[in-house]
Amino acid sequence: MTAELIRDADLKVRHADKIQSQYKNSVTYELGTIAAGIQDKYRHMLEIYRIYSNVTLHMAVNFTIYDSLNAYHVLQSDYNEIKVEQNLFYEVLAKHEGEKRKLEKLRKKQLDKMRGSLGFEGGGGRGRRLGNRKPALWRDGGAFEAGNFDFGADLK
């Protein structure tokens, strides 16, 4: 029975390690672990507050001043740890946003380069065959109205 429990626990730990290693390098995993730490600290603070703010329990147990000061120090310590983790959360978020902006700039640069080589937005394509100038029909605007149907004129 004990051996089965140990094997089952070992199997679950190995499975959790595989999942953790799969997601460990993602930003969402990093932010999630930081947020979970903040929640645990906050929950711990609430438990201590519930105990020491209960007046009937306070009178029945007869807490000493040292107990109250100890609880206050634990609350202060948890608060400081939450502030540290909050700053870490924002640093990871800012780092990710900076990487994201760099990646977007690189993609935009590559896309602009592709557009220029494929003939979009004034580069390449039909514009190149015509020597980067529009046909006379389009430039003049009134070639059809004037009866000038010489389509070879624009290629000169």
C-alpha atoms as a PDB file:
ATOM      1  CA  MET A   1       0.000   0.000   0.000  1.00  0.00           C
ATOM      2  CA  THR A   2       2.753   2.457   0.969  1.00  0.00           C
ATOM      3  CA  ALA A   3       4.824   1.488  -2.079  1.00  0.00           C
ATOM      4  CA  GLU A   4       1.828   2.187  -4.338  1.00  0.00           C
ATOM      5  CA  LEU A   5       1.341   5.630  -2.774  1.00  0.00           C
ATOM      6  CA  ILE A   6       5.025   6.421  -3.240  1.00  0.00           C
ATOM      7  CA  ARG A   7       4.955   5.256  -6.887  1.00  0.00           C
ATOM      8  CA  ASP A   8       1.809   7.275  -7.549  1.00  0.00           C
ATOM      9  CA  ALA A   9       3.291  10.404  -5.945  1.00  0.00           C
ATOM     10  CA  ASP A  10       6.547   9.937  -7.886  1.00  0.00           C
ATOM     11  CA  LEU A  11       4.619   9.552 -11.152  1.00  0.00           C
ATOM     12  CA  LYS A  12       2.622  12.725 -10.460  1.00  0.00           C
ATOM     13  CA  VAL A  13       5.765  14.686  -9.600  1.00  0.00           C
ATOM     14  CA  ARG A  14       7.469  13.571 -12.842  1.00  0.00           C
ATOM     15  CA  HIS A  15       4.348  14.513 -14.809  1.00  0.00           C
ATOM     16  CA  ALA A  16       4.251  17.947 -13.155  1.00  0.00           C
ATOM     17  CA  ASP A  17       7.980  18.422 -13.917  1.00  0.00           C
ATOM     18  CA  LYS A  18       7.360  17.646 -17.609  1.00  0.00           C
ATOM     19  CA  ILE A  19       4.563  20.207 -17.762  1.00  0.00           C
ATOM     20  CA  GLN A  20       6.688  22.770 -15.931  1.00  0.00           C
ATOM     21  CA  SER A  21       9.666  22.267 -18.263  1.00  0.00           C
ATOM     22  CA  GLN A  22       7.367  22.603 -21.278  1.00  0.00           C
ATOM     23  CA  TYR A  23       6.029  26.007 -20.220  1.00  0.00           C
ATOM     24  CA  LYS A  24       8.940  27.316 -18.139  1.00  0.00           C
ATOM     25  CA  ASN A  25      10.331  29.648 -20.831  1.00  0.00           C
ATOM     26  CA  SER A  26       7.022  31.331 -21.627  1.00  0.00           C
ATOM     27  CA  VAL A  27       6.139  34.760 -20.309  1.00  0.00           C
ATOM     28  CA  THR A  28       2.704  33.647 -19.177  1.00  0.00           C
ATOM     29  CA  TYR A  29       4.268  30.951 -16.991  1.00  0.00           C
ATOM     30  CA  GLU A  30       6.634  33.480 -15.430  1.00  0.00           C
ATOM     31  CA  LEU A  31       3.853  35.977 -14.770  1.00  0.00           C
ATOM     32  CA  GLY A  32       1.565  33.222 -13.487  1.00  0.00           C
ATOM     33  CA  THR A  33       4.075  31.984 -10.935  1.00  0.00           C
ATOM     34  CA  ILE A  34       4.667  35.522  -9.694  1.00  0.00           C
ATOM     35  CA  ALA A  35       0.918  36.166  -9.460  1.00  0.00           C
ATOM     36  CA  ALA A  36       0.411  32.878  -7.574  1.00  0.00           C
ATOM     37  CA  GLY A  37       3.106  33.922  -5.080  1.00  0.00           C
ATOM     38  CA  ILE A  38       1.362  37.247  -4.554  1.00  0.00           C
ATOM     39  CA  GLN A  39      -1.959  35.486  -3.978  1.00  0.00           C
ATOM     40  CA  ASP A  40      -0.430  33.092  -1.431  1.00  0.00           C
ATOM     41  CA  LYS A  41       1.124  35.943   0.530  1.00  0.00           C
ATOM     42  CA  TYR A  42      -2.148  37.888   0.470  1.00  0.00           C
ATOM     43  CA  ARG A  43      -4.109  34.829   1.609  1.00  0.00           C
ATOM     44  CA  HIS A  44      -1.643  34.358   4.468  1.00  0.00           C
ATOM     45  CA  MET A  45      -2.104  38.002   5.468  1.00  0.00           C
ATOM     46  CA  LEU A  46      -5.895  37.558   5.475  1.00  0.00           C
ATOM     47  CA  GLU A  47      -5.682  34.474   7.706  1.00  0.00           C
ATOM     48  CA  ILE A  48      -3.563  36.321  10.247  1.00  0.00           C
ATOM     49  CA  TYR A  49      -5.872  39.335  10.099  1.00  0.00           C
ATOM     50  CA  ARG A  50      -8.967  37.148  10.670  1.00  0.00           C
ATOM     51  CA  ILE A  51      -7.405  35.607  13.755  1.00  0.00           C
ATOM     52  CA  TYR A  52      -6.228  38.846  15.341  1.00  0.00           C
ATOM     53  CA  SER A  53      -9.238  40.958  14.371  1.00  0.00           C
ATOM     54  CA  ASN A  54     -11.759  38.563  15.938  1.00  0.00           C
ATOM     55  CA  VAL A  55     -12.662  40.287  19.212  1.00  0.00           C
ATOM     56  CA  THR A  56     -14.353  37.299  20.856  1.00  0.00           C
ATOM     57  CA  LEU A  57     -11.381  35.043  20.060  1.00  0.00           C
ATOM     58  CA  HIS A  58      -9.019  37.752  21.266  1.00  0.00           C
ATOM     59  CA  MET A  59     -10.769  37.909  24.631  1.00  0.00           C
ATOM     60  CA  ALA A  60     -11.091  34.121  25.005  1.00  0.00           C
ATOM     61  CA  VAL A  61      -7.493  33.252  24.146  1.00  0.00           C
ATOM     62  CA  ASN A  62      -6.005  36.303  25.828  1.00  0.00           C
ATOM     63  CA  PHE A  63      -3.263  37.166  23.351  1.00  0.00           C
ATOM     64  CA  THR A  64      -0.244  38.944  24.728  1.00  0.00           C
ATOM     65  CA  ILE A  65       1.197  42.117  23.255  1.00  0.00           C
ATOM     66  CA  TYR A  66       4.096  40.058  21.908  1.00  0.00           C
ATOM     67  CA  ASP A  67       1.687  37.872  19.941  1.00  0.00           C
ATOM     68  CA  SER A  68       0.073  40.956  18.419  1.00  0.00           C
ATOM     69  CA  LEU A  69       3.458  42.504  17.579  1.00  0.00           C
ATOM     70  CA  ASN A  70       4.625  39.238  16.046  1.00  0.00           C
ATOM     71  CA  ALA A  71       1.493  39.098  13.884  1.00  0.00           C
ATOM     72  CA  TYR A  72       2.040  42.719  12.851  1.00  0.00           C
ATOM     73  CA  HIS A  73       5.626  41.950  11.814  1.00  0.00           C
ATOM     74  CA  VAL A  74       4.508  38.923   9.811  1.00  0.00           C
ATOM     75  CA  LEU A  75       1.893  41.083   8.053  1.00  0.00           C
ATOM     76  CA  GLN A  76       4.501  43.739   7.326  1.00  0.00           C
ATOM     77  CA  SER A  77       6.924  41.127   6.010  1.00  0.00           C
ATOM     78  CA  ASP A  78       4.273  39.629   3.725  1.00  0.00           C
ATOM     79  CA  TYR A  79       3.367  43.110   2.488  1.00  0.00           C
ATOM     80  CA  ASN A  80       7.010  43.837   1.640  1.00  0.00           C
ATOM     81  CA  GLU A  81       7.325  40.520  -0.183  1.00  0.00           C
ATOM     82  CA  ILE A  82       4.181  41.328  -2.186  1.00  0.00           C
ATOM     83  CA  LYS A  83       5.664  44.699  -3.185  1.00  0.00           C
ATOM     84  CA  VAL A  84       8.894  43.001  -4.314  1.00  0.00           C
ATOM     85  CA  GLU A  85       6.967  40.432  -6.354  1.00  0.00           C
ATOM     86  CA  GLN A  86       4.772  43.202  -7.800  1.00  0.00           C
ATOM     87  CA  ASN A  87       7.886  45.030  -9.021  1.00  0.00           C
ATOM     88  CA  LEU A  88       9.234  41.772 -10.441  1.00  0.00           C
ATOM     89  CA  PHE A  89       5.916  41.206 -12.226  1.00  0.00           C
ATOM     90  CA  TYR A  90       6.086  44.639 -13.869  1.00  0.00           C
ATOM     91  CA  GLU A  91       9.756  44.149 -14.813  1.00  0.00           C
ATOM     92  CA  VAL A  92       8.984  40.842 -16.560  1.00  0.00           C
ATOM     93  CA  LEU A  93       6.020  42.461 -18.287  1.00  0.00           C
ATOM     94  CA  ALA A  94       8.116  45.440 -19.439  1.00  0.00           C
ATOM     95  CA  LYS A  95      10.896  43.130 -20.669  1.00  0.00           C
ATOM     96  CA  HIS A  96       8.366  41.124 -22.663  1.00  0.00           C
ATOM     97  CA  GLU A  97       6.791  44.273 -24.116  1.00  0.00           C
ATOM     98  CA  GLY A  98      10.254  45.537 -25.139  1.00  0.00           C
ATOM     99  CA  GLU A  99      11.016  42.236 -26.869  1.00  0.00           C
ATOM    100  CA  LYS A 100       7.599  42.320 -28.506  1.00  0.00           C
ATOM    101  CA  ARG A 101       8.204  45.846 -29.861  1.00  0.00           C
ATOM    102  CA  LYS A 102      11.608  44.837 -31.227  1.00  0.00           C
ATOM    103  CA  LEU A 103      10.056  41.825 -32.922  1.00  0.00           C
ATOM    104  CA  GLU A 104       7.268  43.965 -34.407  1.00  0.00           C
ATOM    105  CA  LYS A 105       9.833  46.472 -35.759  1.00  0.00           C
ATOM    106  CA  LEU A 106      11.834  43.630 -37.302  1.00  0.00           C
ATOM    107  CA  ARG A 107       8.707  42.132 -38.891  1.00  0.00           C
ATOM    108  CA  LYS A 108       7.655  45.528 -40.226  1.00  0.00           C
ATOM    109  CA  LYS A 109      11.129  46.094 -41.673  1.00  0.00           C
ATOM    110  CA  GLN A 110      11.078  42.672 -43.342  1.00  0.00           C
ATOM    111  CA  LEU A 111       7.566  43.302 -44.676  1.00  0.00           C
ATOM    112  CA  ASP A 112       8.595  46.688 -46.091  1.00  0.00           C
ATOM    113  CA  LYS A 113      11.592  45.030 -47.714  1.00  0.00           C
ATOM    114  CA  MET A 114       9.321  42.378 -49.234  1.00  0.00           C
ATOM    115  CA  ARG A 115       6.849  44.984 -50.455  1.00  0.00           C
ATOM    116  CA  GLY A 116       9.637  46.876 -52.206  1.00  0.00           C
ATOM    117  CA  SER A 117      10.922  43.769 -53.937  1.00  0.00           C
ATOM    118  CA  LEU A 118       7.475  42.489 -54.926  1.00  0.00           C
ATOM    119  CA  GLY A 119       6.309  45.720 -56.500  1.00  0.00           C
ATOM    120  CA  PHE A 120       3.871  46.996 -53.911  1.00  0.00           C
ATOM    121  CA  GLU A 121       3.701  50.662 -52.963  1.00  0.00           C
ATOM    122  CA  GLY A 122       5.740  52.091 -55.806  1.00  0.00           C
ATOM    123  CA  GLY A 123       8.528  49.551 -55.980  1.00  0.00           C
ATOM    124  CA  GLY A 124       9.034  46.865 -58.624  1.00  0.00           C
ATOM    125  CA  GLY A 125       6.330  45.287 -60.767  1.00  0.00           C
ATOM    126  CA  ARG A 126       4.575  47.325 -63.426  1.00  0.00           C
ATOM    127  CA  GLY A 127       6.290  50.533 -62.305  1.00  0.00           C
ATOM    128  CA  ARG A 128       9.674  49.023 -63.146  1.00  0.00           C
ATOM    129  CA  ARG A 129       8.664  47.973 -66.649  1.00  0.00           C
ATOM    130  CA  LEU A 130       7.491  51.481 -67.373  1.00  0.00           C
ATOM    131  CA  GLY A 131      10.608  53.087 -66.018  1.00  0.00           C
ATOM    132  CA  ASN A 132       8.880  54.143 -62.768  1.00  0.00           C
ATOM    133  CA  ARG A 133       6.552  56.517 -64.548  1.00  0.00           C
ATOM    134  CA  LYS A 134       2.858  56.336 -65.205  1.00  0.00           C
ATOM    135  CA  PRO A 135       1.527  55.934 -68.750  1.00  0.00           C
ATOM    136  CA  ALA A 136       0.721  59.133 -70.617  1.00  0.00           C
ATOM    137  CA  LEU A 137      -2.961  58.231 -70.458  1.00  0.00           C
ATOM    138  CA  TRP A 138      -2.949  58.461 -66.719  1.00  0.00           C
ATOM    139  CA  ARG A 139      -0.674  61.482 -66.514  1.00  0.00           C
ATOM    140  CA  ASP A 140      -2.651  63.603 -68.946  1.00  0.00           C
ATOM    141  CA  GLY A 141      -6.008  62.435 -67.716  1.00  0.00           C
ATOM    142  CA  GLY A 142      -7.708  63.487 -70.967  1.00  0.00           C
ATOM    143  CA  ALA A 143      -6.104  61.266 -73.572  1.00  0.00           C
ATOM    144  CA  PHE A 144      -9.293  59.394 -74.300  1.00  0.00           C
ATOM    145  CA  GLU A 145     -11.367  62.554 -74.539  1.00  0.00           C
ATOM    146  CA  ALA A 146      -8.928  64.092 -77.031  1.00  0.00           C
ATOM    147  CA  GLY A 147      -9.200  61.030 -79.277  1.00  0.00           C
ATOM    148  CA  ASN A 148      -5.523  60.107 -78.823  1.00  0.00           C
ATOM    149  CA  PHE A 149      -5.575  56.324 -78.686  1.00  0.00           C
ATOM    150  CA  ASP A 150      -1.845  55.804 -79.299  1.00  0.00           C
ATOM    151  CA  PHE A 151      -1.046  53.343 -76.521  1.00  0.00           C
ATOM    152  CA  GLY A 152       2.566  53.084 -77.619  1.00  0.00           C
ATOM    153  CA  ALA A 153       3.173  56.730 -76.688  1.00  0.00           C
ATOM    154  CA  ASP A 154       3.452  55.932 -73.037  1.00  0.00           C
ATOM    155  CA  LEU A 155       6.246  53.414 -73.621  1.00  0.00           C
ATOM    156  CA  LYS A 156       8.591  55.909 -75.331  1.00  0.00           C
END
